[in-house]
């Protein structure tokens, strides 16, 4: 998985490419722990994400909990398969999806 971070003032956009699974989720979690301080708006761009596992969902949930305390979070451009995973797991009720 490739992680591209773009920060403009208090807005952080994270673009994910590839697979967010058991082997790559810890990398994203580490990046978030290092990057979220002072962020008021977090945007995940999933337009190039091919797959997400339960480990990946856990990291998104972690990010949502952090951002509930300090601002807002949006998940954008999830493909049809990932959108279906969000629906099946109930994440459509937890995440702000665009």
C-alpha atoms as a PDB file:
ATOM      1  CA  UNK A   1       0.000   0.000   0.000  1.00  0.00           C
ATOM      2  CA  UNK A   2       1.121   3.533  -0.764  1.00  0.00           C
ATOM      3  CA  UNK A   3       0.150   6.451   1.491  1.00  0.00           C
ATOM      4  CA  UNK A   4       0.200   9.994   0.134  1.00  0.00           C
ATOM      5  CA  UNK A   5      -0.265  12.758   2.708  1.00  0.00           C
ATOM      6  CA  UNK A   6      -1.050  16.356   1.824  1.00  0.00           C
ATOM      7  CA  UNK A   7      -1.401  18.913   4.612  1.00  0.00           C
ATOM      8  CA  UNK A   8      -2.707  22.432   4.116  1.00  0.00           C
ATOM      9  CA  UNK A   9      -2.881  24.298   7.419  1.00  0.00           C
ATOM     10  CA  UNK A  10      -5.269  22.251   9.614  1.00  0.00           C
ATOM     11  CA  UNK A  11      -6.541  19.979   6.815  1.00  0.00           C
ATOM     12  CA  UNK A  12      -4.873  16.633   6.110  1.00  0.00           C
ATOM     13  CA  UNK A  13      -5.701  14.549   3.048  1.00  0.00           C
ATOM     14  CA  UNK A  14      -4.542  10.941   2.967  1.00  0.00           C
ATOM     15  CA  UNK A  15      -4.662   9.129  -0.350  1.00  0.00           C
ATOM     16  CA  UNK A  16      -4.384   5.347  -0.204  1.00  0.00           C
ATOM     17  CA  UNK A  17      -3.294   3.144  -3.103  1.00  0.00           C
ATOM     18  CA  UNK A  18      -3.404  -0.665  -3.115  1.00  0.00           C
ATOM     19  CA  UNK A  19      -4.664  -2.867  -0.295  1.00  0.00           C
ATOM     20  CA  UNK A  20      -5.464  -1.887   3.297  1.00  0.00           C
ATOM     21  CA  UNK A  21      -5.229  -5.214   5.096  1.00  0.00           C
ATOM     22  CA  UNK A  22      -3.578  -6.971   8.028  1.00  0.00           C
ATOM     23  CA  UNK A  23      -0.085  -6.391   6.688  1.00  0.00           C
ATOM     24  CA  UNK A  24      -0.538  -2.692   5.775  1.00  0.00           C
ATOM     25  CA  UNK A  25      -2.965  -1.440   8.450  1.00  0.00           C
ATOM     26  CA  UNK A  26      -0.205  -0.974  11.086  1.00  0.00           C
ATOM     27  CA  UNK A  27       1.662   1.306   8.659  1.00  0.00           C
ATOM     28  CA  UNK A  28      -1.407   3.533   8.223  1.00  0.00           C
ATOM     29  CA  UNK A  29      -2.087   3.552  11.953  1.00  0.00           C
ATOM     30  CA  UNK A  30       1.496   4.668  12.620  1.00  0.00           C
ATOM     31  CA  UNK A  31       1.200   7.434  10.007  1.00  0.00           C
ATOM     32  CA  UNK A  32      -2.024   8.645  11.637  1.00  0.00           C
ATOM     33  CA  UNK A  33      -0.523   8.663  15.121  1.00  0.00           C
ATOM     34  CA  UNK A  34       2.334  10.810  13.830  1.00  0.00           C
ATOM     35  CA  UNK A  35       0.208  13.147  11.689  1.00  0.00           C
ATOM     36  CA  UNK A  36      -3.104  13.958  13.398  1.00  0.00           C
ATOM     37  CA  UNK A  37      -1.899  16.443  15.980  1.00  0.00           C
ATOM     38  CA  UNK A  38      -3.396  19.836  15.144  1.00  0.00           C
ATOM     39  CA  UNK A  39      -5.534  18.471  12.308  1.00  0.00           C
ATOM     40  CA  UNK A  40      -9.131  19.694  12.319  1.00  0.00           C
ATOM     41  CA  UNK A  41     -10.246  18.169   9.017  1.00  0.00           C
ATOM     42  CA  UNK A  42      -9.125  14.714   7.879  1.00  0.00           C
ATOM     43  CA  UNK A  43      -9.956  13.520   4.370  1.00  0.00           C
ATOM     44  CA  UNK A  44      -9.354   9.967   3.174  1.00  0.00           C
ATOM     45  CA  UNK A  45      -9.210   9.628  -0.615  1.00  0.00           C
ATOM     46  CA  UNK A  46      -9.882   5.968  -1.410  1.00  0.00           C
ATOM     47  CA  UNK A  47     -10.120   6.379  -5.197  1.00  0.00           C
ATOM     48  CA  UNK A  48      -7.044   4.154  -5.678  1.00  0.00           C
ATOM     49  CA  UNK A  49      -7.708   1.715  -2.829  1.00  0.00           C
ATOM     50  CA  UNK A  50      -8.449  -1.762  -4.191  1.00  0.00           C
ATOM     51  CA  UNK A  51      -9.297  -3.707  -1.024  1.00  0.00           C
ATOM     52  CA  UNK A  52     -10.004  -3.169   2.668  1.00  0.00           C
ATOM     53  CA  UNK A  53     -10.031  -5.839   5.393  1.00  0.00           C
ATOM     54  CA  UNK A  54     -11.306  -5.748   8.961  1.00  0.00           C
ATOM     55  CA  UNK A  55      -7.856  -4.557  10.052  1.00  0.00           C
ATOM     56  CA  UNK A  56      -8.216  -1.609   7.694  1.00  0.00           C
ATOM     57  CA  UNK A  57     -11.701  -0.867   9.012  1.00  0.00           C
ATOM     58  CA  UNK A  58     -10.275  -0.812  12.527  1.00  0.00           C
ATOM     59  CA  UNK A  59      -7.759   1.874  11.528  1.00  0.00           C
ATOM     60  CA  UNK A  60     -10.492   3.995   9.935  1.00  0.00           C
ATOM     61  CA  UNK A  61     -12.525   3.625  13.121  1.00  0.00           C
ATOM     62  CA  UNK A  62      -9.500   4.737  15.170  1.00  0.00           C
ATOM     63  CA  UNK A  63      -9.125   7.812  12.940  1.00  0.00           C
ATOM     64  CA  UNK A  64     -12.833   8.607  13.252  1.00  0.00           C
ATOM     65  CA  UNK A  65     -12.670   8.445  17.064  1.00  0.00           C
ATOM     66  CA  UNK A  66      -9.686  10.800  17.126  1.00  0.00           C
ATOM     67  CA  UNK A  67     -11.335  13.231  14.730  1.00  0.00           C
ATOM     68  CA  UNK A  68     -14.618  13.173  16.683  1.00  0.00           C
ATOM     69  CA  UNK A  69     -12.629  14.885  19.461  1.00  0.00           C
ATOM     70  CA  UNK A  70     -10.700  17.388  17.367  1.00  0.00           C
ATOM     71  CA  UNK A  71     -12.616  18.052  14.164  1.00  0.00           C
ATOM     72  CA  UNK A  72     -14.171  16.154  11.274  1.00  0.00           C
ATOM     73  CA  UNK A  73     -13.359  13.264   8.968  1.00  0.00           C
ATOM     74  CA  UNK A  74     -14.598  12.466   5.455  1.00  0.00           C
ATOM     75  CA  UNK A  75     -14.042   9.320   3.385  1.00  0.00           C
ATOM     76  CA  UNK A  76     -14.205  10.006  -0.349  1.00  0.00           C
ATOM     77  CA  UNK A  77     -14.243   8.043  -3.600  1.00  0.00           C
ATOM     78  CA  UNK A  78     -14.577   4.487  -2.247  1.00  0.00           C
ATOM     79  CA  UNK A  79     -15.049   2.020  -5.087  1.00  0.00           C
ATOM     80  CA  UNK A  80     -18.111  -0.202  -5.311  1.00  0.00           C
ATOM     81  CA  UNK A  81     -16.515  -3.154  -3.508  1.00  0.00           C
ATOM     82  CA  UNK A  82     -15.230  -1.049  -0.608  1.00  0.00           C
ATOM     83  CA  UNK A  83     -18.569   0.772  -0.401  1.00  0.00           C
ATOM     84  CA  UNK A  84     -20.241  -2.643  -0.079  1.00  0.00           C
ATOM     85  CA  UNK A  85     -17.872  -3.571   2.773  1.00  0.00           C
ATOM     86  CA  UNK A  86     -18.841  -0.324   4.531  1.00  0.00           C
ATOM     87  CA  UNK A  87     -22.539  -1.157   4.088  1.00  0.00           C
ATOM     88  CA  UNK A  88     -22.253  -4.775   5.284  1.00  0.00           C
ATOM     89  CA  UNK A  89     -20.242  -3.822   8.368  1.00  0.00           C
ATOM     90  CA  UNK A  90     -22.430  -0.853   9.306  1.00  0.00           C
ATOM     91  CA  UNK A  91     -19.631   1.644   8.696  1.00  0.00           C
ATOM     92  CA  UNK A  92     -22.008   3.725   6.568  1.00  0.00           C
ATOM     93  CA  UNK A  93     -23.563   4.777   9.890  1.00  0.00           C
ATOM     94  CA  UNK A  94     -20.175   5.593  11.462  1.00  0.00           C
ATOM     95  CA  UNK A  95     -18.239   7.291   8.670  1.00  0.00           C
ATOM     96  CA  UNK A  96     -19.038  10.409   6.671  1.00  0.00           C
ATOM     97  CA  UNK A  97     -18.880   9.005   3.121  1.00  0.00           C
ATOM     98  CA  UNK A  98     -18.797  11.077  -0.040  1.00  0.00           C
END
